[in-house]
C-alpha atoms as a PDB file:
ATOM      1  CA  MET A   1       0.554  20.154  21.040  1.00  0.00           C
ATOM      2  CA  LYS A   2      -0.469  16.831  19.510  1.00  0.00           C
ATOM      3  CA  TYR A   3       1.457  14.844  16.898  1.00  0.00           C
ATOM      4  CA  THR A   4       0.452  12.099  14.481  1.00  0.00           C
ATOM      5  CA  ILE A   5       3.044   9.825  12.875  1.00  0.00           C
ATOM      6  CA  PHE A   6       2.893   8.222   9.459  1.00  0.00           C
ATOM      7  CA  GLY A   7       6.026   6.168   9.666  1.00  0.00           C
ATOM      8  CA  SER A   8       7.826   3.722  11.873  1.00  0.00           C
ATOM      9  CA  CYS A   9       9.523   3.002  15.163  1.00  0.00           C
ATOM     10  CA  VAL A  10      12.353   5.440  14.358  1.00  0.00           C
ATOM     11  CA  THR A  11       9.918   8.262  15.122  1.00  0.00           C
ATOM     12  CA  ARG A  12       7.514   6.499  17.472  1.00  0.00           C
ATOM     13  CA  ASP A  13      10.297   5.341  19.798  1.00  0.00           C
ATOM     14  CA  ALA A  14      11.342   8.921  20.527  1.00  0.00           C
ATOM     15  CA  PHE A  15       7.948   9.514  22.142  1.00  0.00           C
ATOM     16  CA  ALA A  16       7.958   6.197  24.017  1.00  0.00           C
ATOM     17  CA  ILE A  17      11.558   6.094  25.222  1.00  0.00           C
ATOM     18  CA  GLU A  18      11.549   9.742  26.299  1.00  0.00           C
ATOM     19  CA  ASN A  19       8.154   9.450  28.088  1.00  0.00           C
ATOM     20  CA  LYS A  20       6.375  11.808  25.694  1.00  0.00           C
ATOM     21  CA  ASN A  21       3.414   9.563  24.839  1.00  0.00           C
ATOM     22  CA  ASP A  22       0.966  12.234  26.006  1.00  0.00           C
ATOM     23  CA  PHE A  23       2.015  14.350  23.008  1.00  0.00           C
ATOM     24  CA  LEU A  24       1.162  11.614  20.501  1.00  0.00           C
ATOM     25  CA  PHE A  25      -2.340  11.554  19.034  1.00  0.00           C
ATOM     26  CA  ASP A  26      -2.013   8.656  16.557  1.00  0.00           C
ATOM     27  CA  TYR A  27       0.501   6.398  14.851  1.00  0.00           C
ATOM     28  CA  TYR A  28       0.125   4.814  11.410  1.00  0.00           C
ATOM     29  CA  ALA A  29       2.808   2.164  10.897  1.00  0.00           C
ATOM     30  CA  ARG A  30       3.829  -0.640   8.529  1.00  0.00           C
ATOM     31  CA  SER A  31       2.471   1.104   5.459  1.00  0.00           C
ATOM     32  CA  SER A  32       4.280   1.885   2.224  1.00  0.00           C
ATOM     33  CA  ILE A  33       3.227   5.037   0.408  1.00  0.00           C
ATOM     34  CA  VAL A  34       2.465   2.846  -2.612  1.00  0.00           C
ATOM     35  CA  SER A  35       0.014   0.909  -0.465  1.00  0.00           C
ATOM     36  CA  ALA A  36      -1.407   3.978   1.286  1.00  0.00           C
ATOM     37  CA  VAL A  37      -2.704   5.494  -1.967  1.00  0.00           C
ATOM     38  CA  SER A  38      -4.121   2.328  -3.509  1.00  0.00           C
ATOM     39  CA  THR A  39      -7.637   0.887  -3.350  1.00  0.00           C
ATOM     40  CA  PRO A  40      -9.099   0.191   0.133  1.00  0.00           C
ATOM     41  CA  LEU A  41      -9.968  -3.468   0.693  1.00  0.00           C
ATOM     42  CA  GLY A  42     -12.684  -3.063   3.319  1.00  0.00           C
ATOM     43  CA  VAL A  43     -11.306  -5.655   5.742  1.00  0.00           C
ATOM     44  CA  ASP A  44     -12.785  -6.054   9.228  1.00  0.00           C
ATOM     45  CA  GLN A  45      -9.983  -5.535  11.750  1.00  0.00           C
ATOM     46  CA  GLU A  46     -11.309  -8.270  14.030  1.00  0.00           C
ATOM     47  CA  SER A  47     -11.077 -10.814  11.190  1.00  0.00           C
ATOM     48  CA  ILE A  48      -7.277 -10.461  11.056  1.00  0.00           C
ATOM     49  CA  GLN A  49      -5.688 -13.456  12.721  1.00  0.00           C
ATOM     50  CA  LEU A  50      -3.211 -11.844  15.096  1.00  0.00           C
ATOM     51  CA  ASP A  51      -3.278 -11.894  18.897  1.00  0.00           C
ATOM     52  CA  SER A  52      -2.082  -8.325  19.328  1.00  0.00           C
ATOM     53  CA  GLN A  53      -4.742  -5.634  18.926  1.00  0.00           C
ATOM     54  CA  PHE A  54      -2.033  -3.152  17.921  1.00  0.00           C
ATOM     55  CA  GLN A  55      -0.794  -5.478  15.177  1.00  0.00           C
ATOM     56  CA  ARG A  56      -4.333  -6.125  13.940  1.00  0.00           C
ATOM     57  CA  ARG A  57      -4.898  -2.381  13.753  1.00  0.00           C
ATOM     58  CA  MET A  58      -1.646  -1.820  11.844  1.00  0.00           C
ATOM     59  CA  VAL A  59      -2.471  -4.470   9.259  1.00  0.00           C
ATOM     60  CA  SER A  60      -6.105  -3.421   8.851  1.00  0.00           C
ATOM     61  CA  ARG A  61      -5.140   0.231   8.476  1.00  0.00           C
ATOM     62  CA  ASP A  62      -2.749  -0.690   5.695  1.00  0.00           C
ATOM     63  CA  LEU A  63      -5.290  -2.935   3.950  1.00  0.00           C
ATOM     64  CA  ASN A  64      -8.043  -0.329   4.275  1.00  0.00           C
ATOM     65  CA  LYS A  65      -5.812   2.685   3.482  1.00  0.00           C
ATOM     66  CA  ASP A  66      -7.105   4.472   6.572  1.00  0.00           C
ATOM     67  CA  PHE A  67      -4.405   7.137   6.869  1.00  0.00           C
ATOM     68  CA  LEU A  68      -5.704   9.212   3.959  1.00  0.00           C
ATOM     69  CA  ARG A  69      -9.332   8.651   5.016  1.00  0.00           C
ATOM     70  CA  ASP A  70      -9.316   9.143   8.796  1.00  0.00           C
ATOM     71  CA  ASP A  71     -10.028  12.367  10.706  1.00  0.00           C
ATOM     72  CA  TRP A  72      -6.727  12.535  12.616  1.00  0.00           C
ATOM     73  CA  PRO A  73      -5.987  16.082  11.286  1.00  0.00           C
ATOM     74  CA  GLU A  74      -8.810  17.430  13.444  1.00  0.00           C
ATOM     75  CA  GLN A  75      -6.844  16.488  16.575  1.00  0.00           C
ATOM     76  CA  THR A  76      -3.302  16.992  15.261  1.00  0.00           C
ATOM     77  CA  ASP A  77      -1.026  20.035  15.313  1.00  0.00           C
ATOM     78  CA  TRP A  78       1.888  18.393  13.497  1.00  0.00           C
ATOM     79  CA  LEU A  79       2.204  15.366  11.244  1.00  0.00           C
ATOM     80  CA  ILE A  80       5.588  13.622  11.280  1.00  0.00           C
ATOM     81  CA  ILE A  81       6.460  11.401   8.318  1.00  0.00           C
ATOM     82  CA  ASP A  82       9.311   8.942   7.996  1.00  0.00           C
ATOM     83  CA  LEU A  83       9.734   6.353   5.255  1.00  0.00           C
ATOM     84  CA  ILE A  84      11.614   3.594   7.081  1.00  0.00           C
ATOM     85  CA  ASP A  85       8.682   1.196   6.667  1.00  0.00           C
ATOM     86  CA  ASP A  86       9.058   1.607   2.923  1.00  0.00           C
ATOM     87  CA  ARG A  87      12.020  -0.737   3.370  1.00  0.00           C
ATOM     88  CA  LEU A  88       9.349  -3.436   3.394  1.00  0.00           C
ATOM     89  CA  ALA A  89       8.276  -5.246   0.271  1.00  0.00           C
ATOM     90  CA  ILE A  90       4.815  -4.788  -1.177  1.00  0.00           C
ATOM     91  CA  GLY A  91       2.373  -7.158  -2.830  1.00  0.00           C
ATOM     92  CA  GLU A  92      -0.704  -6.867  -4.990  1.00  0.00           C
ATOM     93  CA  ILE A  93      -4.105  -8.246  -4.047  1.00  0.00           C
ATOM     94  CA  SER A  94      -6.764  -8.817  -6.670  1.00  0.00           C
ATOM     95  CA  ALA A  95     -10.308  -8.710  -5.307  1.00  0.00           C
ATOM     96  CA  ASP A  96     -13.505  -8.947  -7.325  1.00  0.00           C
ATOM     97  CA  ALA A  97     -15.254  -6.085  -5.513  1.00  0.00           C
ATOM     98  CA  THR A  98     -12.368  -3.612  -5.325  1.00  0.00           C
ATOM     99  CA  GLY A  99     -10.074  -4.456  -8.215  1.00  0.00           C
ATOM    100  CA  CYS A 100      -6.331  -4.578  -7.497  1.00  0.00           C
ATOM    101  CA  SER A 101      -4.675  -3.028  -4.487  1.00  0.00           C
ATOM    102  CA  TYR A 102      -1.120  -2.840  -3.219  1.00  0.00           C
ATOM    103  CA  VAL A 103      -0.433  -3.931   0.370  1.00  0.00           C
ATOM    104  CA  THR A 104       2.628  -3.723   2.609  1.00  0.00           C
ATOM    105  CA  ARG A 105       4.280  -7.063   3.299  1.00  0.00           C
ATOM    106  CA  SER A 106       5.176  -6.468   6.931  1.00  0.00           C
ATOM    107  CA  ASN A 107       5.983  -9.294   9.322  1.00  0.00           C
ATOM    108  CA  GLU A 108       2.571  -8.708  10.866  1.00  0.00           C
ATOM    109  CA  PHE A 109       0.869  -9.068   7.483  1.00  0.00           C
ATOM    110  CA  VAL A 110       2.756 -12.309   6.812  1.00  0.00           C
ATOM    111  CA  ASN A 111       1.935 -13.684  10.268  1.00  0.00           C
ATOM    112  CA  SER A 112      -1.757 -12.932   9.774  1.00  0.00           C
ATOM    113  CA  HIS A 113      -1.836 -15.369   6.786  1.00  0.00           C
ATOM    114  CA  PHE A 114      -4.159 -12.883   5.077  1.00  0.00           C
ATOM    115  CA  GLU A 115      -2.569 -13.532   1.688  1.00  0.00           C
ATOM    116  CA  GLU A 116      -3.701 -17.152   1.852  1.00  0.00           C
ATOM    117  CA  SER A 117      -7.341 -16.078   1.607  1.00  0.00           C
ATOM    118  CA  VAL A 118      -6.970 -13.784  -1.429  1.00  0.00           C
ATOM    119  CA  ARG A 119      -5.324 -13.672  -4.840  1.00  0.00           C
ATOM    120  CA  TYR A 120      -1.909 -12.335  -3.909  1.00  0.00           C
ATOM    121  CA  ARG A 121       1.099 -11.479  -6.111  1.00  0.00           C
ATOM    122  CA  SER A 122       4.543 -10.493  -4.841  1.00  0.00           C
ATOM    123  CA  VAL A 123       5.899  -7.223  -6.242  1.00  0.00           C
ATOM    124  CA  GLY A 124       9.630  -6.845  -6.814  1.00  0.00           C
ATOM    125  CA  LEU A 125      11.697  -3.806  -5.867  1.00  0.00           C
ATOM    126  CA  ALA A 126      12.064  -2.626  -9.479  1.00  0.00           C
ATOM    127  CA  GLU A 127       8.290  -2.624  -9.963  1.00  0.00           C
ATOM    128  CA  LYS A 128       7.788  -0.884  -6.623  1.00  0.00           C
ATOM    129  CA  ASN A 129      10.338   1.808  -7.507  1.00  0.00           C
ATOM    130  CA  GLU A 130       8.626   2.347 -10.851  1.00  0.00           C
ATOM    131  CA  ALA A 131       5.288   2.860  -9.092  1.00  0.00           C
ATOM    132  CA  TYR A 132       6.717   5.140  -6.392  1.00  0.00           C
ATOM    133  CA  PRO A 133       6.805   8.528  -8.196  1.00  0.00           C
ATOM    134  CA  ASP A 134       3.109   8.413  -9.104  1.00  0.00           C
ATOM    135  CA  ALA A 135       2.280   7.111  -5.634  1.00  0.00           C
ATOM    136  CA  VAL A 136       4.130   9.996  -3.948  1.00  0.00           C
ATOM    137  CA  ARG A 137       2.370  12.556  -6.128  1.00  0.00           C
ATOM    138  CA  SER A 138      -0.988  11.022  -5.232  1.00  0.00           C
ATOM    139  CA  TYR A 139      -0.033  10.897  -1.544  1.00  0.00           C
ATOM    140  CA  VAL A 140       0.931  14.575  -1.476  1.00  0.00           C
ATOM    141  CA  ASP A 141      -2.097  15.657  -3.534  1.00  0.00           C
ATOM    142  CA  ARG A 142      -4.459  13.896  -1.143  1.00  0.00           C
ATOM    143  CA  LEU A 143      -2.568  14.822   2.010  1.00  0.00           C
ATOM    144  CA  THR A 144      -2.197  18.556   1.283  1.00  0.00           C
ATOM    145  CA  PRO A 145      -5.841  19.561   1.925  1.00  0.00           C
ATOM    146  CA  MET A 146      -5.926  17.304   4.982  1.00  0.00           C
ATOM    147  CA  VAL A 147      -3.046  19.195   6.640  1.00  0.00           C
ATOM    148  CA  ALA A 148      -4.248  22.700   5.799  1.00  0.00           C
ATOM    149  CA  ASN A 149      -4.430  23.455   9.518  1.00  0.00           C
ATOM    150  CA  CYS A 150      -1.442  21.480  10.794  1.00  0.00           C
ATOM    151  CA  GLY A 151       2.257  21.405  10.063  1.00  0.00           C
ATOM    152  CA  VAL A 152       4.280  18.624   8.439  1.00  0.00           C
ATOM    153  CA  ILE A 153       7.759  17.460   9.440  1.00  0.00           C
ATOM    154  CA  LEU A 154       9.748  14.920   7.457  1.00  0.00           C
ATOM    155  CA  HIS A 155      12.009  12.804   9.665  1.00  0.00           C
ATOM    156  CA  GLU A 156      14.575  11.743   7.074  1.00  0.00           C
ATOM    157  CA  ALA A 157      15.827   8.644   8.839  1.00  0.00           C
ATOM    158  CA  TYR A 158      18.166   5.978   7.478  1.00  0.00           C
ATOM    159  CA  TYR A 159      19.700   2.676   8.489  1.00  0.00           C
ATOM    160  CA  ALA A 160      22.495   3.032  11.041  1.00  0.00           C
ATOM    161  CA  LYS A 161      25.765   1.599   9.750  1.00  0.00           C
ATOM    162  CA  THR A 162      27.247   1.078  13.204  1.00  0.00           C
ATOM    163  CA  LEU A 163      26.121   0.022  16.666  1.00  0.00           C
ATOM    164  CA  LEU A 164      27.468   0.870  20.101  1.00  0.00           C
ATOM    165  CA  GLU A 165      28.382  -2.406  21.821  1.00  0.00           C
ATOM    166  CA  ASP A 166      30.208  -2.458  25.172  1.00  0.00           C
ATOM    167  CA  GLY A 167      31.152   1.177  24.611  1.00  0.00           C
ATOM    168  CA  VAL A 168      32.760   0.393  21.248  1.00  0.00           C
ATOM    169  CA  GLU A 169      31.243   1.432  17.918  1.00  0.00           C
ATOM    170  CA  LYS A 170      31.165  -1.510  15.500  1.00  0.00           C
ATOM    171  CA  GLY A 171      29.894  -1.944  11.969  1.00  0.00           C
ATOM    172  CA  PHE A 172      26.641  -3.894  11.644  1.00  0.00           C
ATOM    173  CA  GLU A 173      28.025  -5.725   8.608  1.00  0.00           C
ATOM    174  CA  GLN A 174      31.469  -6.336  10.080  1.00  0.00           C
ATOM    175  CA  ALA A 175      29.854  -7.812  13.199  1.00  0.00           C
ATOM    176  CA  GLY A 176      27.817 -10.148  11.001  1.00  0.00           C
ATOM    177  CA  TYR A 177      24.395  -8.791  11.973  1.00  0.00           C
ATOM    178  CA  VAL A 178      23.389  -7.903   8.400  1.00  0.00           C
ATOM    179  CA  GLY A 179      24.524  -9.116   4.991  1.00  0.00           C
ATOM    180  CA  PRO A 180      27.236  -7.421   2.911  1.00  0.00           C
ATOM    181  CA  GLY A 181      25.974  -4.284   1.191  1.00  0.00           C
ATOM    182  CA  GLN A 182      22.484  -4.543   2.706  1.00  0.00           C
ATOM    183  CA  ILE A 183      22.590  -1.243   4.595  1.00  0.00           C
ATOM    184  CA  ASP A 184      23.946   0.743   1.646  1.00  0.00           C
ATOM    185  CA  ARG A 185      21.289  -0.729  -0.662  1.00  0.00           C
ATOM    186  CA  GLN A 186      18.506   0.088   1.781  1.00  0.00           C
ATOM    187  CA  ASN A 187      19.789   3.626   2.328  1.00  0.00           C
ATOM    188  CA  THR A 188      20.139   4.262  -1.402  1.00  0.00           C
ATOM    189  CA  THR A 189      16.521   3.211  -1.920  1.00  0.00           C
ATOM    190  CA  LEU A 190      15.334   5.301   1.033  1.00  0.00           C
ATOM    191  CA  ALA A 191      17.206   8.361  -0.290  1.00  0.00           C
ATOM    192  CA  TYR A 192      15.404   7.935  -3.630  1.00  0.00           C
ATOM    193  CA  TYR A 193      12.038   7.834  -1.845  1.00  0.00           C
ATOM    194  CA  TYR A 194      12.833  10.835   0.373  1.00  0.00           C
ATOM    195  CA  ASP A 195      14.006  12.892  -2.627  1.00  0.00           C
ATOM    196  CA  LEU A 196      10.755  12.172  -4.453  1.00  0.00           C
ATOM    197  CA  LEU A 197       8.684  13.208  -1.441  1.00  0.00           C
ATOM    198  CA  LYS A 198      10.662  16.422  -0.888  1.00  0.00           C
ATOM    199  CA  ALA A 199      10.345  17.315  -4.575  1.00  0.00           C
ATOM    200  CA  CYS A 200       6.570  16.870  -4.431  1.00  0.00           C
ATOM    201  CA  ARG A 201       6.249  18.958  -1.260  1.00  0.00           C
ATOM    202  CA  PRO A 202       8.993  21.609  -1.394  1.00  0.00           C
ATOM    203  CA  GLY A 203       9.576  23.694   1.683  1.00  0.00           C
ATOM    204  CA  MET A 204       8.567  20.930   4.049  1.00  0.00           C
ATOM    205  CA  ALA A 205      10.414  21.014   7.379  1.00  0.00           C
ATOM    206  CA  VAL A 206      13.053  18.250   7.413  1.00  0.00           C
ATOM    207  CA  VAL A 207      14.951  16.645  10.294  1.00  0.00           C
ATOM    208  CA  ASP A 208      17.955  14.626   9.107  1.00  0.00           C
ATOM    209  CA  LEU A 209      20.335  13.434  11.816  1.00  0.00           C
ATOM    210  CA  SER A 210      22.455  11.205   9.596  1.00  0.00           C
ATOM    211  CA  GLU A 211      25.471  13.531   9.827  1.00  0.00           C
ATOM    212  CA  THR A 212      25.304  14.117  13.593  1.00  0.00           C
ATOM    213  CA  GLY A 213      27.085  10.941  14.638  1.00  0.00           C
ATOM    214  CA  LEU A 214      23.978   9.918  16.574  1.00  0.00           C
ATOM    215  CA  GLN A 215      22.494   7.519  14.004  1.00  0.00           C
ATOM    216  CA  VAL A 216      24.008   4.513  15.755  1.00  0.00           C
ATOM    217  CA  GLY A 217      22.331   1.246  16.666  1.00  0.00           C
ATOM    218  CA  ASP A 218      21.678   0.301  20.279  1.00  0.00           C
ATOM    219  CA  PRO A 219      22.055  -3.441  21.041  1.00  0.00           C
ATOM    220  CA  GLY A 220      20.163  -2.864  24.299  1.00  0.00           C
ATOM    221  CA  HIS A 221      17.192  -1.226  22.597  1.00  0.00           C
ATOM    222  CA  VAL A 222      13.777  -2.222  23.958  1.00  0.00           C
ATOM    223  CA  TRP A 223      12.904  -3.778  20.581  1.00  0.00           C
ATOM    224  CA  GLY A 224      16.267  -5.465  20.085  1.00  0.00           C
ATOM    225  CA  ARG A 225      19.315  -4.988  17.899  1.00  0.00           C
ATOM    226  CA  SER A 226      18.577  -3.437  14.488  1.00  0.00           C
ATOM    227  CA  PRO A 227      19.964  -0.733  12.165  1.00  0.00           C
ATOM    228  CA  VAL A 228      16.715   1.194  12.796  1.00  0.00           C
ATOM    229  CA  HIS A 229      16.843   0.963  16.604  1.00  0.00           C
ATOM    230  CA  TYR A 230      19.039   3.863  17.638  1.00  0.00           C
ATOM    231  CA  ILE A 231      20.877   4.962  20.761  1.00  0.00           C
ATOM    232  CA  LYS A 232      18.984   7.192  23.223  1.00  0.00           C
ATOM    233  CA  PRO A 233      20.785  10.456  22.305  1.00  0.00           C
ATOM    234  CA  TYR A 234      19.381  10.143  18.774  1.00  0.00           C
ATOM    235  CA  TYR A 235      15.797  10.287  20.061  1.00  0.00           C
ATOM    236  CA  GLU A 236      16.627  13.158  22.400  1.00  0.00           C
ATOM    237  CA  GLU A 237      18.039  15.211  19.537  1.00  0.00           C
ATOM    238  CA  LEU A 238      15.100  14.290  17.301  1.00  0.00           C
ATOM    239  CA  LEU A 239      12.665  15.675  19.880  1.00  0.00           C
ATOM    240  CA  ARG A 240      14.758  18.842  20.270  1.00  0.00           C
ATOM    241  CA  ARG A 241      14.633  19.405  16.501  1.00  0.00           C
ATOM    242  CA  ILE A 242      10.876  18.770  16.424  1.00  0.00           C
ATOM    243  CA  ALA A 243      10.412  21.189  19.325  1.00  0.00           C
ATOM    244  CA  ALA A 244      12.383  23.895  17.516  1.00  0.00           C
ATOM    245  CA  ILE A 245      10.312  23.510  14.350  1.00  0.00           C
ATOM    246  CA  ALA A 246       6.957  23.273  16.118  1.00  0.00           C
ATOM    247  CA  GLY A 247       7.694  25.883  18.770  1.00  0.00           C
ATOM    248  CA  ASP A 248       6.785  23.287  21.395  1.00  0.00           C
ATOM    249  CA  ALA A 249       8.991  23.547  24.469  1.00  0.00           C
ATOM    250  CA  GLY A 250       7.009  20.839  26.246  1.00  0.00           C
ATOM    251  CA  ILE A 251       8.081  17.999  23.999  1.00  0.00           C
ATOM    252  CA  ALA A 252      11.761  18.775  24.607  1.00  0.00           C
ATOM    253  CA  SER A 253      11.496  19.304  28.363  1.00  0.00           C
ATOM    254  CA  ASN A 254      13.687  17.221  30.707  1.00  0.00           C
ATOM    255  CA  LEU A 255      15.875  15.910  27.888  1.00  0.00           C
END
């Protein structure tokens, strides 16, 4: 079976760390749902000033709203969605030819200096949250016919509150790695987004490992210490849950 991800490293890393890359067809990252449903900007990927081809592709896909326009469903058996990248802020770009469009303010977008060449306005969290319900409805309305022949799994992932350091579980905040209250605020916002998505697409298969004791940060993670970089057993269990839903024994083999 082949899988496409609209989401973040919390899903993608399960395929990479567990050597399951052959099961992955495509990966759309660093894109808020609010951005994904807004007006495409028609930006040439090669014009984006980043050295990494992967990062250029991520930014251009967000600017051009490619996820809801590409033909990935033709090669995909299951779509996996997570909303961790909706932790990122969004901005609004005003362009004469296309009108206004929301974009995701990822680190890659900032490093590309794209906003310096356009009329850009920062969007606060309150405004983003106000726009989110309509954006989710549009996302689901447009996505539903695209996935008529493939399944959809929601990976309901959240920030880890603790990390496993030298065999001892410590709080991210208590260890000084994040600010006071930051994780709870992020998780409250993510829960709001997930609830909206589940309400718009009832009956969707959901994987939520937040109560398993496995949603713990790994300071030795390949991408570094972060509340969204989990210990290896989390990814193993995620793939087992995906396998059970999809009926795909191959993706859970050798775990």
